[in-house]
Amino acid sequence: MQHNLFVCKTCATVWKQGKPEGKSGGQQLLEHLSELHQNWDLKDNFPIQEVQCMSACSHSCTVSFAAPGKYTYLFGNLPVQDSAAAILECATQYYAKPDGSLPWSERPEPLKKGILAKIPPIG
């Protein structure tokens, strides 16, 4: 079963005179995740997909876990520098659960308070 880790690469963009300036927080988070992802056991079964925007701009940075037949989770307010390892740890938990359910008590700290949505599986 294919799993996906969606990462908003435009989160926390700094704008000056209508143009983005420097690297966005989302791009930085994506780079941290990509680096750790290279040596992650599930890298072939749980690819990272860059997303232009997940419409959670007031809660940046955001990521989402999704897979057929499982709950879809949207997490936000994730620290750029200190959440990549926790995201992959939580993704490992998500992968192991048949329905993708991630109880609050089992999630790594940055993903306990950062949940924005839990969407039921289709079907």
Protein backbone atom coordinates (compact mmCIF):
# COMPACT_ATOMS: atom_id res chain seq x y z
CA MET A 1 0.00 0.00 0.00
CA GLN A 2 1.39 3.39 -0.98
CA HIS A 3 1.76 6.01 1.73
CA ASN A 4 2.49 9.69 1.16
CA LEU A 5 4.12 12.39 3.26
CA PHE A 6 3.00 15.74 1.89
CA VAL A 7 5.11 18.77 2.84
CA CYS A 8 4.06 22.35 2.12
CA LYS A 9 7.10 24.05 0.64
CA THR A 10 5.63 27.57 0.73
CA CYS A 11 4.84 27.66 4.46
CA ALA A 12 6.35 30.56 6.38
CA THR A 13 7.40 32.49 3.30
CA VAL A 14 8.74 35.97 3.95
CA TRP A 15 7.35 38.45 1.42
CA LYS A 16 8.91 41.80 0.50
CA GLN A 17 7.28 44.06 -2.07
CA GLY A 18 5.09 41.21 -3.33
CA LYS A 19 7.95 38.76 -3.89
CA PRO A 20 9.21 35.87 -1.77
CA GLU A 21 12.52 36.53 -0.04
CA GLY A 22 14.98 33.77 0.80
CA LYS A 23 14.01 30.18 1.59
CA SER A 24 10.59 29.63 3.10
CA GLY A 25 10.25 27.75 6.37
CA GLY A 26 8.49 25.00 4.42
CA GLN A 27 11.41 24.68 2.01
CA GLN A 28 13.82 24.46 4.94
CA LEU A 29 11.67 21.79 6.63
CA LEU A 30 11.48 19.89 3.34
CA GLU A 31 15.29 19.93 3.09
CA HIS A 32 15.68 18.61 6.67
CA LEU A 33 13.11 15.88 5.99
CA SER A 34 14.67 14.93 2.66
CA GLU A 35 18.08 14.54 4.28
CA LEU A 36 16.75 12.21 7.01
CA HIS A 37 14.45 10.45 4.52
CA GLN A 38 17.44 9.16 2.52
CA ASN A 39 18.39 6.76 5.34
CA TRP A 40 14.87 6.01 6.60
CA ASP A 41 13.78 2.36 6.52
CA LEU A 42 10.44 3.26 4.91
CA LYS A 43 11.78 5.64 2.24
CA ASP A 44 10.64 3.42 -0.64
CA ASN A 45 7.15 2.88 0.81
CA PHE A 46 6.52 6.38 2.12
CA PRO A 47 7.80 9.03 -0.33
CA ILE A 48 7.86 12.74 0.35
CA GLN A 49 5.73 14.83 -1.98
CA GLU A 50 6.23 18.57 -2.18
CA VAL A 51 3.01 20.58 -2.15
CA GLN A 52 2.72 24.20 -3.23
CA CYS A 53 0.18 25.03 -0.49
CA MET A 54 -2.09 23.15 1.92
CA SER A 55 -4.11 26.25 2.88
CA ALA A 56 -2.97 26.20 6.49
CA CYS A 57 -0.92 29.39 6.22
CA SER A 58 -1.78 30.60 9.71
CA HIS A 59 -0.39 27.32 11.10
CA SER A 60 2.87 26.89 9.20
CA CYS A 61 4.80 24.71 8.77
CA THR A 62 2.48 21.89 7.67
CA VAL A 63 2.75 18.22 6.70
CA SER A 64 0.21 15.52 6.00
CA PHE A 65 0.16 11.71 6.11
CA ALA A 66 -2.16 9.90 3.69
CA ALA A 67 -2.72 6.35 2.43
CA PRO A 68 -5.65 4.45 0.89
CA GLY A 69 -8.04 3.11 3.54
CA LYS A 70 -6.42 5.11 6.36
CA TYR A 71 -7.15 8.31 8.20
CA THR A 72 -5.44 11.34 6.66
CA TYR A 73 -3.70 13.65 9.13
CA LEU A 74 -2.76 17.30 8.68
CA PHE A 75 -0.24 18.70 11.16
CA GLY A 76 0.76 22.33 11.51
CA ASN A 77 2.69 24.75 13.68
CA LEU A 78 5.75 22.54 13.26
CA PRO A 79 9.14 24.05 14.11
CA VAL A 80 11.34 24.25 11.02
CA GLN A 81 14.57 23.24 12.74
CA ASP A 82 13.43 20.64 15.25
CA SER A 83 10.61 18.55 13.85
CA ALA A 84 11.95 16.48 10.91
CA ALA A 85 12.96 13.47 13.03
CA ALA A 86 9.64 13.59 14.93
CA ILE A 87 7.71 13.71 11.64
CA LEU A 88 9.43 10.55 10.36
CA GLU A 89 8.93 8.86 13.75
CA CYS A 90 5.21 9.64 13.58
CA ALA A 91 5.08 8.53 9.94
CA THR A 92 6.55 5.18 11.02
CA GLN A 93 3.74 4.83 13.58
CA TYR A 94 1.18 5.77 10.92
CA TYR A 95 2.59 3.17 8.52
CA ALA A 96 2.32 0.42 11.15
CA LYS A 97 -1.34 1.09 12.01
CA PRO A 98 -3.88 -0.70 9.79
CA ASP A 99 -6.25 2.28 9.88
CA GLY A 100 -3.55 4.93 10.34
CA SER A 101 -4.96 5.99 13.71
CA LEU A 102 -2.43 8.01 15.73
CA PRO A 103 -3.48 8.33 19.38
CA TRP A 104 -2.34 11.58 20.99
CA SER A 105 -0.35 9.79 23.70
CA GLU A 106 1.74 7.87 21.15
CA ARG A 107 2.72 10.79 18.90
CA PRO A 108 6.09 12.56 19.21
CA GLU A 109 5.85 15.87 21.07
CA PRO A 110 5.79 18.31 18.08
CA LEU A 111 2.90 16.36 16.56
CA LYS A 112 0.81 16.17 19.74
CA LYS A 113 -0.26 19.79 19.71
CA GLY A 114 0.12 20.40 15.99
CA ILE A 115 -2.85 18.44 14.65
CA LEU A 116 -5.08 20.50 12.37
CA ALA A 117 -7.25 17.75 10.87
CA LYS A 118 -8.00 14.03 11.06
CA ILE A 119 -9.97 13.03 7.98
CA PRO A 120 -11.71 9.62 7.89
CA PRO A 121 -10.75 7.09 5.24
CA ILE A 122 -12.86 6.80 2.11
CA GLY A 123 -14.90 3.66 1.88
